[in-house]
Protein backbone atom coordinates (compact mmCIF):
# COMPACT_ATOMS: atom_id res chain seq x y z
CA UNK A 1 107.08 173.52 12.39
CA UNK A 2 104.64 170.51 12.66
CA UNK A 3 104.70 167.94 15.39
CA UNK A 4 105.53 165.01 13.03
CA UNK A 5 108.29 163.40 15.36
CA UNK A 6 105.82 162.59 17.94
CA UNK A 7 102.93 161.13 15.88
CA UNK A 8 101.12 164.43 15.40
CA UNK A 9 101.96 165.83 18.97
CA UNK A 10 103.49 169.13 18.92
CA UNK A 11 107.22 168.74 19.44
CA UNK A 12 108.63 169.25 23.07
CA UNK A 13 109.52 172.78 23.60
CA UNK A 14 107.02 174.49 21.37
CA UNK A 15 104.41 175.03 23.76
CA UNK A 16 104.74 177.27 26.67
CA UNK A 17 105.51 176.05 30.17
CA UNK A 18 103.51 176.90 33.20
CA UNK A 19 104.89 176.23 36.64
CA UNK A 20 103.60 176.56 40.35
CA UNK A 21 104.25 175.05 43.59
CA UNK A 22 100.90 174.17 45.08
CA UNK A 23 101.88 175.56 48.35
CA UNK A 24 102.18 179.01 46.69
CA UNK A 25 98.69 178.92 45.02
CA UNK A 26 97.15 182.06 46.81
CA UNK A 27 95.72 184.34 44.08
CA UNK A 28 95.75 188.11 44.06
CA UNK A 29 92.07 188.89 43.51
CA UNK A 30 92.86 192.31 42.27
CA UNK A 31 95.26 191.27 39.49
CA UNK A 32 93.77 188.11 38.38
CA UNK A 33 91.53 187.84 35.53
CA UNK A 34 89.20 185.18 34.35
CA UNK A 35 91.95 184.11 31.70
CA UNK A 36 95.15 184.91 33.66
CA UNK A 37 95.62 184.06 37.33
CA UNK A 38 97.99 186.17 39.18
CA UNK A 39 99.61 184.71 42.41
CA UNK A 40 100.81 186.77 45.41
CA UNK A 41 103.72 184.49 46.40
CA UNK A 42 103.58 186.17 49.90
CA UNK A 43 102.56 182.93 51.77
CA UNK A 44 103.12 179.25 51.89
CA UNK A 45 100.03 177.09 52.10
CA UNK A 46 101.16 173.51 52.62
CA UNK A 47 98.67 170.62 52.13
CA UNK A 48 97.31 168.53 54.87
CA UNK A 49 97.34 164.74 54.04
CA UNK A 50 94.38 163.99 51.87
CA UNK A 51 93.51 167.63 51.43
CA UNK A 52 92.18 168.67 47.68
CA UNK A 53 92.51 172.32 46.65
CA UNK A 54 91.95 174.18 43.24
CA UNK A 55 95.13 175.44 41.65
CA UNK A 56 95.20 177.83 38.72
CA UNK A 57 98.37 177.76 36.74
CA UNK A 58 98.91 180.05 33.89
CA UNK A 59 100.88 179.36 30.73
CA UNK A 60 103.34 181.74 29.22
CA UNK A 61 101.53 183.61 26.35
CA UNK A 62 102.41 182.06 22.95
CA UNK A 63 100.87 181.96 19.55
CA UNK A 64 100.84 178.55 17.91
CA UNK A 65 99.12 177.16 14.77
CA UNK A 66 97.76 173.83 14.97
CA UNK A 67 96.87 171.83 11.76
CA UNK A 68 94.07 169.34 11.41
CA UNK A 69 95.21 166.04 13.02
CA UNK A 70 97.67 167.53 15.46
CA UNK A 71 97.33 167.47 19.20
CA UNK A 72 98.18 169.44 22.16
CA UNK A 73 99.28 167.39 25.10
CA UNK A 74 99.37 168.73 28.72
CA UNK A 75 102.07 167.17 30.74
CA UNK A 76 101.88 167.41 34.66
CA UNK A 77 105.15 166.73 36.54
CA UNK A 78 106.73 167.36 39.86
CA UNK A 79 110.07 168.01 38.11
CA UNK A 80 111.23 169.88 35.08
CA UNK A 81 110.70 167.58 32.00
CA UNK A 82 114.10 168.71 30.50
CA UNK A 83 116.17 168.83 33.76
CA UNK A 84 117.65 172.18 35.08
CA UNK A 85 117.01 175.33 33.36
CA UNK A 86 120.64 176.52 33.14
CA UNK A 87 123.37 174.13 32.05
CA UNK A 88 125.96 173.20 34.72
CA UNK A 89 123.14 173.71 37.55
CA UNK A 90 122.54 170.88 39.86
CA UNK A 91 118.83 169.84 39.84
CA UNK A 92 116.73 171.32 42.50
CA UNK A 93 115.62 168.84 45.36
CA UNK A 94 112.36 169.81 46.51
CA UNK A 95 111.38 169.78 50.23
CA UNK A 96 108.12 168.10 49.50
CA UNK A 97 107.49 164.33 49.76
CA UNK A 98 104.84 161.93 49.30
CA UNK A 99 102.39 161.11 46.56
CA UNK A 100 100.59 163.82 44.81
CA UNK A 101 97.31 163.40 43.03
CA UNK A 102 95.72 165.46 40.24
CA UNK A 103 91.98 165.08 40.21
CA UNK A 104 90.31 165.01 36.78
CA UNK A 105 86.71 164.31 37.13
CA UNK A 106 83.70 164.36 39.37
CA UNK A 107 83.52 167.14 41.97
CA UNK A 108 87.12 168.08 41.20
CA UNK A 109 87.28 168.14 37.39
CA UNK A 110 90.27 169.65 35.72
CA UNK A 111 90.34 171.58 32.52
CA UNK A 112 92.70 173.50 30.30
CA UNK A 113 91.54 176.88 29.17
CA UNK A 114 92.89 178.16 25.84
CA UNK A 115 92.29 181.45 24.09
CA UNK A 116 91.38 180.42 20.62
CA UNK A 117 91.93 182.93 17.66
CA UNK A 118 91.06 182.14 14.15
CA UNK A 119 92.98 183.57 11.09
């Protein structure tokens, strides 16, 4: 299915989600690989005001075909884009507050690593 509805951008829901609370970012060094980070989820590491940390978020594995002219869009949000995961559930109210920044350049460049396979 092509992403025609959003001007050449893959339609919402076709690409895999990746979710991680920054406070749960601690990596399991034994299980993590260069391509897939594994988190321990055994500690909470809250950020201090103004603190900048590296965060590795894995996307669920999925095979997609992109045609010439189509685009991949990365959306970073503090809440689910489509609301709750299960119908009838109330939306989760996070305990975090304040402004959160994603750094995308200079000493704190961000990147998206994709495994590319050709047919």
